[in-house]
Amino acid sequence: MEPASTPDYRYPVGRFRPPENITAEQRREWIDELAGSPAKFRAAVHGLNDEQLDAPYRPGGWTVRQVIHHVPDSHMNSYTRFRLALTEDNPTVRPYAEDLWAELVDARTMPVEVSLTLLESLHARWVRLLESLTPEQYARTFEHPGLKRNISLEWNLALYAWHCRHHAAHITSLRERMGWG
């Protein structure tokens, strides 16, 4: 009998796998994902107390609170990258140390409401921008030195739609495992 495999709590929705050919319909689905994600994050943490918010979603992982604060940190960086790529020719963007950002005092201690509100406002602007883009604009790129490649805006949109599902599932799967309702 084979041993049961240990679930990979790091990737509850699987690793990001970008599609080879991106369609307008896929872009619309991803924009809808971004539009709906603030409400999904709010629902994911609804009713959790501080002890639950300070529980890691996996052994050695970030706490629920850190995950909630990470999402707008990451999405603000991405939103800025979109704006740079739309206004400059293939700009080089700055990577950031997300693991170190998650250890800063605000990410470890602030009420999650602060970042939930920030995410709602940020996504309202981001979605409005995304809905205005032409296929040619989605093909614009930025250079990501950490990934050592050019990233198209449509590829980045796919990544961040996945990013929303990925981190929301960290919280919802923990709630399920812990019986937190």
N, C-alpha and C. Protein backbone atom coordinates (compact mmCIF):
# COMPACT_ATOMS: atom_id res chain seq x y z
N MET A 1 0.84 -1.18 0.00
CA MET A 1 0.00 0.00 0.00
C MET A 1 0.89 1.24 0.00
N GLU A 2 0.56 2.20 -0.88
CA GLU A 2 1.35 3.42 -0.98
C GLU A 2 0.96 4.39 0.13
N PRO A 3 1.95 5.14 0.66
CA PRO A 3 1.61 6.13 1.69
C PRO A 3 0.77 7.25 1.07
N ALA A 4 -0.11 7.78 1.87
CA ALA A 4 -0.93 8.91 1.41
C ALA A 4 -0.03 10.10 1.16
N SER A 5 -0.26 10.80 0.06
CA SER A 5 0.57 11.97 -0.21
C SER A 5 0.15 13.11 0.69
N THR A 6 1.13 13.88 1.08
CA THR A 6 0.86 15.05 1.92
C THR A 6 0.38 16.17 1.01
N PRO A 7 -0.74 16.80 1.34
CA PRO A 7 -1.21 17.91 0.50
C PRO A 7 -0.18 19.04 0.48
N ASP A 8 -0.07 19.70 -0.66
CA ASP A 8 0.83 20.83 -0.77
C ASP A 8 0.05 22.09 -0.48
N TYR A 9 0.06 22.51 0.78
CA TYR A 9 -0.71 23.68 1.21
C TYR A 9 -0.16 24.97 0.61
N ARG A 10 1.05 24.93 0.06
CA ARG A 10 1.60 26.14 -0.57
C ARG A 10 0.83 26.52 -1.82
N TYR A 11 0.32 25.51 -2.54
CA TYR A 11 -0.34 25.75 -3.83
C TYR A 11 -1.72 25.08 -3.87
N PRO A 12 -2.66 25.59 -3.09
CA PRO A 12 -3.97 24.94 -3.01
C PRO A 12 -4.76 24.96 -4.32
N VAL A 13 -4.44 25.86 -5.24
CA VAL A 13 -5.11 25.88 -6.54
C VAL A 13 -4.14 25.46 -7.65
N GLY A 14 -2.99 24.91 -7.26
CA GLY A 14 -1.97 24.53 -8.23
C GLY A 14 -1.04 25.70 -8.53
N ARG A 15 0.08 25.38 -9.14
CA ARG A 15 1.04 26.41 -9.53
C ARG A 15 0.49 27.19 -10.73
N PHE A 16 0.98 28.40 -10.90
CA PHE A 16 0.58 29.22 -12.04
C PHE A 16 1.07 28.59 -13.32
N ARG A 17 0.15 28.42 -14.25
CA ARG A 17 0.47 27.88 -15.57
C ARG A 17 -0.14 28.83 -16.61
N PRO A 18 0.69 29.70 -17.18
CA PRO A 18 0.14 30.66 -18.14
C PRO A 18 -0.31 29.98 -19.42
N PRO A 19 -1.42 30.42 -19.96
CA PRO A 19 -1.86 29.85 -21.24
C PRO A 19 -0.92 30.29 -22.36
N GLU A 20 -0.82 29.46 -23.38
CA GLU A 20 0.05 29.81 -24.50
C GLU A 20 -0.56 30.89 -25.37
N ASN A 21 -1.84 30.78 -25.65
CA ASN A 21 -2.54 31.76 -26.47
C ASN A 21 -3.66 32.37 -25.64
N ILE A 22 -3.58 33.66 -25.44
CA ILE A 22 -4.54 34.35 -24.58
C ILE A 22 -5.60 35.00 -25.45
N THR A 23 -6.85 34.77 -25.08
CA THR A 23 -7.97 35.31 -25.83
C THR A 23 -8.61 36.49 -25.09
N ALA A 24 -9.42 37.24 -25.81
CA ALA A 24 -10.16 38.34 -25.20
C ALA A 24 -11.10 37.82 -24.12
N GLU A 25 -11.67 36.63 -24.32
CA GLU A 25 -12.57 36.04 -23.32
C GLU A 25 -11.82 35.71 -22.04
N GLN A 26 -10.60 35.20 -22.17
CA GLN A 26 -9.81 34.91 -20.98
C GLN A 26 -9.47 36.20 -20.24
N ARG A 27 -9.09 37.23 -20.99
CA ARG A 27 -8.80 38.51 -20.34
C ARG A 27 -10.02 39.00 -19.56
N ARG A 28 -11.21 38.86 -20.15
CA ARG A 28 -12.44 39.29 -19.48
C ARG A 28 -12.64 38.49 -18.19
N GLU A 29 -12.42 37.18 -18.23
CA GLU A 29 -12.55 36.33 -17.04
C GLU A 29 -11.56 36.76 -15.95
N TRP A 30 -10.35 37.08 -16.35
CA TRP A 30 -9.33 37.48 -15.38
C TRP A 30 -9.66 38.84 -14.77
N ILE A 31 -10.17 39.75 -15.58
CA ILE A 31 -10.59 41.05 -15.05
C ILE A 31 -11.72 40.84 -14.05
N ASP A 32 -12.67 39.98 -14.39
CA ASP A 32 -13.77 39.68 -13.46
C ASP A 32 -13.24 39.07 -12.17
N GLU A 33 -12.22 38.23 -12.28
CA GLU A 33 -11.59 37.65 -11.09
C GLU A 33 -11.01 38.75 -10.20
N LEU A 34 -10.31 39.69 -10.80
CA LEU A 34 -9.76 40.80 -10.03
C LEU A 34 -10.87 41.65 -9.42
N ALA A 35 -11.92 41.88 -10.17
CA ALA A 35 -13.03 42.70 -9.68
C ALA A 35 -13.69 42.06 -8.47
N GLY A 36 -13.84 40.74 -8.49
CA GLY A 36 -14.53 40.04 -7.41
C GLY A 36 -13.66 39.63 -6.25
N SER A 37 -12.36 39.71 -6.40
CA SER A 37 -11.48 39.18 -5.35
C SER A 37 -11.51 39.94 -4.03
N PRO A 38 -11.66 41.27 -4.00
CA PRO A 38 -11.74 41.91 -2.68
C PRO A 38 -12.87 41.34 -1.82
N ALA A 39 -14.02 41.09 -2.42
CA ALA A 39 -15.14 40.51 -1.67
C ALA A 39 -14.81 39.09 -1.23
N LYS A 40 -14.09 38.34 -2.05
CA LYS A 40 -13.72 36.98 -1.68
C LYS A 40 -12.75 36.98 -0.50
N PHE A 41 -11.81 37.92 -0.49
CA PHE A 41 -10.89 38.01 0.65
C PHE A 41 -11.63 38.44 1.91
N ARG A 42 -12.54 39.38 1.76
CA ARG A 42 -13.32 39.83 2.91
C ARG A 42 -14.14 38.65 3.48
N ALA A 43 -14.76 37.88 2.60
CA ALA A 43 -15.53 36.72 3.05
C ALA A 43 -14.62 35.65 3.67
N ALA A 44 -13.42 35.50 3.13
CA ALA A 44 -12.49 34.47 3.63
C ALA A 44 -12.09 34.71 5.07
N VAL A 45 -12.01 35.97 5.49
CA VAL A 45 -11.58 36.27 6.86
C VAL A 45 -12.75 36.66 7.77
N HIS A 46 -13.95 36.70 7.20
CA HIS A 46 -15.11 37.13 7.99
C HIS A 46 -15.26 36.26 9.25
N GLY A 47 -15.37 36.92 10.38
CA GLY A 47 -15.61 36.23 11.64
C GLY A 47 -14.38 35.64 12.31
N LEU A 48 -13.21 35.76 11.69
CA LEU A 48 -12.00 35.23 12.32
C LEU A 48 -11.55 36.17 13.44
N ASN A 49 -11.12 35.57 14.55
CA ASN A 49 -10.60 36.37 15.66
C ASN A 49 -9.09 36.56 15.48
N ASP A 50 -8.48 37.35 16.37
CA ASP A 50 -7.04 37.62 16.24
C ASP A 50 -6.19 36.36 16.30
N GLU A 51 -6.57 35.42 17.14
CA GLU A 51 -5.80 34.16 17.23
C GLU A 51 -5.84 33.42 15.89
N GLN A 52 -6.99 33.39 15.25
CA GLN A 52 -7.10 32.73 13.95
C GLN A 52 -6.37 33.51 12.87
N LEU A 53 -6.47 34.84 12.91
CA LEU A 53 -5.76 35.66 11.93
C LEU A 53 -4.25 35.51 12.06
N ASP A 54 -3.78 35.19 13.26
CA ASP A 54 -2.35 35.04 13.48
C ASP A 54 -1.88 33.59 13.37
N ALA A 55 -2.74 32.72 12.87
CA ALA A 55 -2.37 31.32 12.62
C ALA A 55 -1.76 31.21 11.22
N PRO A 56 -0.67 30.47 11.07
CA PRO A 56 -0.11 30.27 9.73
C PRO A 56 -1.02 29.35 8.91
N TYR A 57 -1.11 29.64 7.61
CA TYR A 57 -1.96 28.82 6.75
C TYR A 57 -1.34 27.45 6.47
N ARG A 58 -0.05 27.32 6.75
CA ARG A 58 0.66 26.03 6.65
C ARG A 58 1.85 26.10 7.58
N PRO A 59 2.40 24.96 7.98
CA PRO A 59 3.60 24.99 8.82
C PRO A 59 4.72 25.77 8.11
N GLY A 60 5.26 26.74 8.83
CA GLY A 60 6.33 27.57 8.28
C GLY A 60 5.86 28.65 7.33
N GLY A 61 4.55 28.78 7.16
CA GLY A 61 4.02 29.77 6.22
C GLY A 61 3.61 31.05 6.92
N TRP A 62 3.15 31.99 6.13
CA TRP A 62 2.66 33.25 6.65
C TRP A 62 1.38 33.03 7.43
N THR A 63 1.08 33.97 8.30
CA THR A 63 -0.20 33.94 8.99
C THR A 63 -1.28 34.45 8.03
N VAL A 64 -2.53 34.19 8.40
CA VAL A 64 -3.64 34.71 7.61
C VAL A 64 -3.52 36.23 7.51
N ARG A 65 -3.19 36.88 8.60
CA ARG A 65 -3.03 38.34 8.61
C ARG A 65 -1.96 38.77 7.59
N GLN A 66 -0.83 38.08 7.59
CA GLN A 66 0.24 38.42 6.65
C GLN A 66 -0.20 38.21 5.20
N VAL A 67 -0.96 37.16 4.96
CA VAL A 67 -1.47 36.91 3.61
C VAL A 67 -2.36 38.07 3.17
N ILE A 68 -3.28 38.47 4.04
CA ILE A 68 -4.19 39.57 3.70
C ILE A 68 -3.41 40.86 3.42
N HIS A 69 -2.38 41.14 4.19
CA HIS A 69 -1.59 42.36 3.95
C HIS A 69 -0.69 42.21 2.72
N HIS A 70 -0.26 40.99 2.42
CA HIS A 70 0.59 40.75 1.25
C HIS A 70 -0.14 41.05 -0.05
N VAL A 71 -1.41 40.70 -0.11
CA VAL A 71 -2.13 40.81 -1.39
C VAL A 71 -2.12 42.25 -1.91
N PRO A 72 -2.55 43.26 -1.16
CA PRO A 72 -2.46 44.60 -1.73
C PRO A 72 -1.01 45.07 -1.93
N ASP A 73 -0.07 44.62 -1.11
CA ASP A 73 1.34 44.96 -1.37
C ASP A 73 1.73 44.50 -2.77
N SER A 74 1.44 43.26 -3.06
CA SER A 74 1.79 42.68 -4.35
C SER A 74 1.01 43.34 -5.48
N HIS A 75 -0.27 43.55 -5.25
CA HIS A 75 -1.12 44.10 -6.31
C HIS A 75 -0.81 45.57 -6.59
N MET A 76 -0.37 46.31 -5.57
CA MET A 76 0.07 47.70 -5.82
C MET A 76 1.30 47.70 -6.72
N ASN A 77 2.22 46.76 -6.47
CA ASN A 77 3.39 46.66 -7.33
C ASN A 77 2.97 46.32 -8.76
N SER A 78 2.05 45.38 -8.91
CA SER A 78 1.61 44.99 -10.25
C SER A 78 0.88 46.13 -10.96
N TYR A 79 0.00 46.81 -10.25
CA TYR A 79 -0.73 47.94 -10.82
C TYR A 79 0.25 49.00 -11.32
N THR A 80 1.27 49.28 -10.53
CA THR A 80 2.29 50.24 -10.94
C THR A 80 3.03 49.74 -12.18
N ARG A 81 3.29 48.46 -12.26
CA ARG A 81 3.97 47.90 -13.43
C ARG A 81 3.11 48.05 -14.68
N PHE A 82 1.80 47.85 -14.53
CA PHE A 82 0.90 48.08 -15.67
C PHE A 82 1.02 49.52 -16.14
N ARG A 83 0.96 50.45 -15.21
CA ARG A 83 0.99 51.87 -15.58
C ARG A 83 2.34 52.24 -16.22
N LEU A 84 3.42 51.67 -15.69
CA LEU A 84 4.73 51.93 -16.29
C LEU A 84 4.79 51.39 -17.72
N ALA A 85 4.33 50.16 -17.91
CA ALA A 85 4.39 49.56 -19.25
C ALA A 85 3.49 50.29 -20.25
N LEU A 86 2.43 50.91 -19.76
CA LEU A 86 1.54 51.65 -20.65
C LEU A 86 2.08 53.03 -21.01
N THR A 87 3.03 53.51 -20.25
CA THR A 87 3.53 54.87 -20.47
C THR A 87 5.01 54.94 -20.84
N GLU A 88 5.69 53.81 -20.80
CA GLU A 88 7.11 53.74 -21.16
C GLU A 88 7.33 52.52 -22.04
N ASP A 89 8.40 52.52 -22.80
CA ASP A 89 8.72 51.37 -23.65
C ASP A 89 9.52 50.35 -22.86
N ASN A 90 8.90 49.21 -22.60
CA ASN A 90 9.52 48.08 -21.91
C ASN A 90 10.36 48.51 -20.70
N PRO A 91 9.73 49.20 -19.74
CA PRO A 91 10.51 49.65 -18.57
C PRO A 91 11.02 48.47 -17.74
N THR A 92 12.12 48.68 -17.08
CA THR A 92 12.62 47.71 -16.12
C THR A 92 11.98 48.04 -14.78
N VAL A 93 11.33 47.04 -14.18
CA VAL A 93 10.66 47.25 -12.90
C VAL A 93 11.52 46.74 -11.77
N ARG A 94 11.22 47.23 -10.59
CA ARG A 94 11.95 46.80 -9.39
C ARG A 94 11.26 45.60 -8.78
N PRO A 95 12.00 44.52 -8.58
CA PRO A 95 11.44 43.45 -7.75
C PRO A 95 11.41 43.92 -6.29
N TYR A 96 10.69 43.21 -5.47
CA TYR A 96 10.69 43.54 -4.05
C TYR A 96 10.73 42.24 -3.26
N ALA A 97 11.23 42.30 -2.05
CA ALA A 97 11.40 41.11 -1.21
C ALA A 97 10.10 40.87 -0.43
N GLU A 98 9.15 40.19 -1.06
CA GLU A 98 7.83 40.00 -0.44
C GLU A 98 7.94 39.28 0.90
N ASP A 99 8.88 38.38 1.05
CA ASP A 99 9.04 37.69 2.33
C ASP A 99 9.45 38.66 3.43
N LEU A 100 10.31 39.63 3.10
CA LEU A 100 10.71 40.63 4.09
C LEU A 100 9.60 41.65 4.35
N TRP A 101 8.85 42.00 3.31
CA TRP A 101 7.72 42.91 3.51
C TRP A 101 6.72 42.29 4.47
N ALA A 102 6.51 40.97 4.36
CA ALA A 102 5.53 40.29 5.22
C ALA A 102 5.97 40.26 6.67
N GLU A 103 7.26 40.49 6.93
CA GLU A 103 7.76 40.50 8.30
C GLU A 103 7.76 41.89 8.93
N LEU A 104 7.47 42.92 8.15
CA LEU A 104 7.42 44.27 8.71
C LEU A 104 6.25 44.37 9.69
N VAL A 105 6.36 45.28 10.64
CA VAL A 105 5.41 45.35 11.74
C VAL A 105 3.97 45.55 11.27
N ASP A 106 3.76 46.35 10.22
CA ASP A 106 2.38 46.56 9.77
C ASP A 106 1.75 45.27 9.26
N ALA A 107 2.53 44.47 8.53
CA ALA A 107 2.00 43.21 7.99
C ALA A 107 1.76 42.16 9.08
N ARG A 108 2.47 42.28 10.17
CA ARG A 108 2.31 41.31 11.26
C ARG A 108 1.25 41.71 12.27
N THR A 109 0.91 43.01 12.34
CA THR A 109 0.08 43.45 13.46
C THR A 109 -1.16 44.26 13.11
N MET A 110 -1.20 44.88 11.95
CA MET A 110 -2.32 45.77 11.62
C MET A 110 -3.63 44.98 11.48
N PRO A 111 -4.73 45.62 11.79
CA PRO A 111 -6.02 44.98 11.51
C PRO A 111 -6.15 44.71 10.01
N VAL A 112 -6.75 43.58 9.65
CA VAL A 112 -6.87 43.22 8.23
C VAL A 112 -7.81 44.18 7.49
N GLU A 113 -8.70 44.83 8.20
CA GLU A 113 -9.63 45.77 7.56
C GLU A 113 -8.90 46.84 6.76
N VAL A 114 -7.75 47.26 7.24
CA VAL A 114 -6.96 48.28 6.54
C VAL A 114 -6.61 47.79 5.14
N SER A 115 -6.12 46.58 5.03
CA SER A 115 -5.72 46.06 3.72
C SER A 115 -6.91 45.62 2.88
N LEU A 116 -7.98 45.19 3.51
CA LEU A 116 -9.18 44.85 2.74
C LEU A 116 -9.75 46.10 2.06
N THR A 117 -9.77 47.21 2.78
CA THR A 117 -10.25 48.47 2.21
C THR A 117 -9.31 48.95 1.11
N LEU A 118 -8.02 48.85 1.35
CA LEU A 118 -7.03 49.22 0.35
C LEU A 118 -7.21 48.38 -0.92
N LEU A 119 -7.41 47.08 -0.76
CA LEU A 119 -7.58 46.19 -1.90
C LEU A 119 -8.82 46.56 -2.70
N GLU A 120 -9.92 46.90 -2.02
CA GLU A 120 -11.14 47.30 -2.72
C GLU A 120 -10.89 48.54 -3.58
N SER A 121 -10.24 49.54 -3.02
CA SER A 121 -9.96 50.77 -3.76
C SER A 121 -8.98 50.52 -4.90
N LEU A 122 -7.93 49.80 -4.62
CA LEU A 122 -6.93 49.50 -5.63
C LEU A 122 -7.55 48.73 -6.80
N HIS A 123 -8.33 47.71 -6.50
CA HIS A 123 -8.91 46.91 -7.57
C HIS A 123 -9.95 47.69 -8.36
N ALA A 124 -10.67 48.62 -7.73
CA ALA A 124 -11.61 49.47 -8.47
C ALA A 124 -10.87 50.25 -9.56
N ARG A 125 -9.74 50.83 -9.20
CA ARG A 125 -8.94 51.58 -10.19
C ARG A 125 -8.32 50.65 -11.22
N TRP A 126 -7.76 49.54 -10.75
CA TRP A 126 -7.06 48.61 -11.65
C TRP A 126 -8.03 48.04 -12.68
N VAL A 127 -9.20 47.61 -12.22
CA VAL A 127 -10.20 47.04 -13.13
C VAL A 127 -10.62 48.08 -14.16
N ARG A 128 -10.84 49.30 -13.73
CA ARG A 128 -11.22 50.36 -14.68
C ARG A 128 -10.15 50.53 -15.74
N LEU A 129 -8.89 50.53 -15.33
CA LEU A 129 -7.79 50.63 -16.29
C LEU A 129 -7.78 49.42 -17.23
N LEU A 130 -7.89 48.23 -16.69
CA LEU A 130 -7.83 47.01 -17.50
C LEU A 130 -8.95 46.95 -18.53
N GLU A 131 -10.13 47.41 -18.15
CA GLU A 131 -11.27 47.38 -19.06
C GLU A 131 -11.09 48.34 -20.24
N SER A 132 -10.20 49.30 -20.11
CA SER A 132 -9.99 50.29 -21.17
C SER A 132 -8.92 49.87 -22.18
N LEU A 133 -8.17 48.83 -21.88
CA LEU A 133 -7.01 48.49 -22.71
C LEU A 133 -7.40 47.80 -24.00
N THR A 134 -6.64 48.10 -25.04
CA THR A 134 -6.78 47.44 -26.34
C THR A 134 -5.90 46.19 -26.37
N PRO A 135 -6.12 45.29 -27.33
CA PRO A 135 -5.22 44.13 -27.45
C PRO A 135 -3.75 44.55 -27.62
N GLU A 136 -3.53 45.64 -28.32
CA GLU A 136 -2.15 46.13 -28.51
C GLU A 136 -1.55 46.57 -27.18
N GLN A 137 -2.36 47.20 -26.36
CA GLN A 137 -1.85 47.62 -25.05
C GLN A 137 -1.58 46.41 -24.16
N TYR A 138 -2.42 45.38 -24.23
CA TYR A 138 -2.16 44.16 -23.45
C TYR A 138 -0.87 43.48 -23.88
N ALA A 139 -0.41 43.73 -25.10
CA ALA A 139 0.83 43.14 -25.60
C ALA A 139 2.07 43.91 -25.13
N ARG A 140 1.87 45.09 -24.55
CA ARG A 140 3.02 45.86 -24.05
C ARG A 140 3.71 45.08 -22.94
N THR A 141 4.96 45.37 -22.72
CA THR A 141 5.78 44.58 -21.79
C THR A 141 6.56 45.45 -20.82
N PHE A 142 7.02 44.77 -19.77
CA PHE A 142 8.02 45.34 -18.88
C PHE A 142 9.07 44.28 -18.64
N GLU A 143 10.27 44.73 -18.31
CA GLU A 143 11.38 43.83 -18.01
C GLU A 143 11.38 43.57 -16.52
N HIS A 144 11.34 42.29 -16.16
CA HIS A 144 11.39 41.91 -14.74
C HIS A 144 12.76 41.29 -14.48
N PRO A 145 13.66 42.04 -13.83
CA PRO A 145 15.02 41.51 -13.63
C PRO A 145 15.07 40.28 -12.75
N GLY A 146 14.12 40.12 -11.82
CA GLY A 146 14.10 38.93 -10.98
C GLY A 146 13.75 37.68 -11.77
N LEU A 147 12.87 37.83 -12.75
CA LEU A 147 12.48 36.70 -13.60
C LEU A 147 13.35 36.59 -14.84
N LYS A 148 14.15 37.63 -15.08
CA LYS A 148 15.07 37.68 -16.22
C LYS A 148 14.33 37.49 -17.55
N ARG A 149 13.20 38.23 -17.69
CA ARG A 149 12.45 38.16 -18.93
C ARG A 149 11.51 39.35 -19.04
N ASN A 150 11.02 39.54 -20.25
CA ASN A 150 9.98 40.53 -20.49
C ASN A 150 8.63 39.89 -20.18
N ILE A 151 7.76 40.66 -19.55
CA ILE A 151 6.44 40.19 -19.15
C ILE A 151 5.41 41.03 -19.90
N SER A 152 4.50 40.39 -20.62
CA SER A 152 3.43 41.15 -21.27
C SER A 152 2.35 41.45 -20.23
N LEU A 153 1.59 42.50 -20.49
CA LEU A 153 0.53 42.86 -19.56
C LEU A 153 -0.55 41.78 -19.51
N GLU A 154 -0.83 41.12 -20.62
CA GLU A 154 -1.85 40.07 -20.56
C GLU A 154 -1.34 38.85 -19.76
N TRP A 155 -0.06 38.54 -19.85
CA TRP A 155 0.51 37.46 -19.04
C TRP A 155 0.44 37.85 -17.58
N ASN A 156 0.75 39.11 -17.27
CA ASN A 156 0.72 39.58 -15.89
C ASN A 156 -0.72 39.58 -15.35
N LEU A 157 -1.69 39.90 -16.19
CA LEU A 157 -3.09 39.82 -15.78
C LEU A 157 -3.45 38.39 -15.41
N ALA A 158 -3.03 37.44 -16.22
CA ALA A 158 -3.29 36.02 -15.91
C ALA A 158 -2.66 35.64 -14.57
N LEU A 159 -1.43 36.09 -14.35
CA LEU A 159 -0.74 35.80 -13.10
C LEU A 159 -1.50 36.34 -11.90
N TYR A 160 -1.99 37.56 -12.00
CA TYR A 160 -2.64 38.15 -10.84
C TYR A 160 -4.05 37.65 -10.61
N ALA A 161 -4.72 37.17 -11.64
CA ALA A 161 -6.00 36.48 -11.43
C ALA A 161 -5.72 35.19 -10.65
N TRP A 162 -4.68 34.47 -11.05
CA TRP A 162 -4.27 33.27 -10.31
C TRP A 162 -3.86 33.64 -8.88
N HIS A 163 -3.13 34.73 -8.72
CA HIS A 163 -2.65 35.17 -7.41
C HIS A 163 -3.82 35.38 -6.45
N CYS A 164 -4.92 35.94 -6.96
CA CYS A 164 -6.11 36.12 -6.13
C CYS A 164 -6.65 34.77 -5.66
N ARG A 165 -6.83 33.85 -6.59
CA ARG A 165 -7.35 32.51 -6.24
C ARG A 165 -6.41 31.80 -5.27
N HIS A 166 -5.12 31.89 -5.54
CA HIS A 166 -4.07 31.24 -4.78
C HIS A 166 -4.11 31.65 -3.30
N HIS A 167 -4.11 32.95 -3.04
CA HIS A 167 -4.07 33.40 -1.65
C HIS A 167 -5.42 33.30 -0.96
N ALA A 168 -6.51 33.48 -1.67
CA ALA A 168 -7.82 33.26 -1.05
C ALA A 168 -7.95 31.80 -0.62
N ALA A 169 -7.44 30.88 -1.44
CA ALA A 169 -7.50 29.46 -1.10
C ALA A 169 -6.60 29.12 0.08
N HIS A 170 -5.51 29.86 0.28
CA HIS A 170 -4.71 29.63 1.50
C HIS A 170 -5.60 29.78 2.73
N ILE A 171 -6.41 30.82 2.72
CA ILE A 171 -7.24 31.12 3.88
C ILE A 171 -8.44 30.18 3.97
N THR A 172 -9.13 29.99 2.86
CA THR A 172 -10.33 29.15 2.90
C THR A 172 -10.00 27.69 3.17
N SER A 173 -8.87 27.21 2.66
CA SER A 173 -8.51 25.81 2.93
C SER A 173 -8.09 25.64 4.39
N LEU A 174 -7.43 26.65 4.98
CA LEU A 174 -7.10 26.59 6.40
C LEU A 174 -8.38 26.57 7.23
N ARG A 175 -9.32 27.43 6.90
CA ARG A 175 -10.60 27.46 7.62
C ARG A 175 -11.26 26.09 7.58
N GLU A 176 -11.23 25.48 6.41
CA GLU A 176 -11.84 24.17 6.25
C GLU A 176 -11.12 23.11 7.10
N ARG A 177 -9.80 23.10 7.02
CA ARG A 177 -9.02 22.12 7.79
C ARG A 177 -9.22 22.29 9.29
N MET A 178 -9.36 23.55 9.73
CA MET A 178 -9.48 23.83 11.16
C MET A 178 -10.93 23.82 11.64
N GLY A 179 -11.88 23.68 10.73
CA GLY A 179 -13.28 23.69 11.10
C GLY A 179 -13.75 25.05 11.61
N TRP A 180 -13.21 26.12 11.01
CA TRP A 180 -13.56 27.47 11.44
C TRP A 180 -14.80 28.01 10.75
N GLY A 181 -15.53 27.16 10.07
CA GLY A 181 -16.81 27.56 9.45
C GLY A 181 -16.72 28.47 8.36
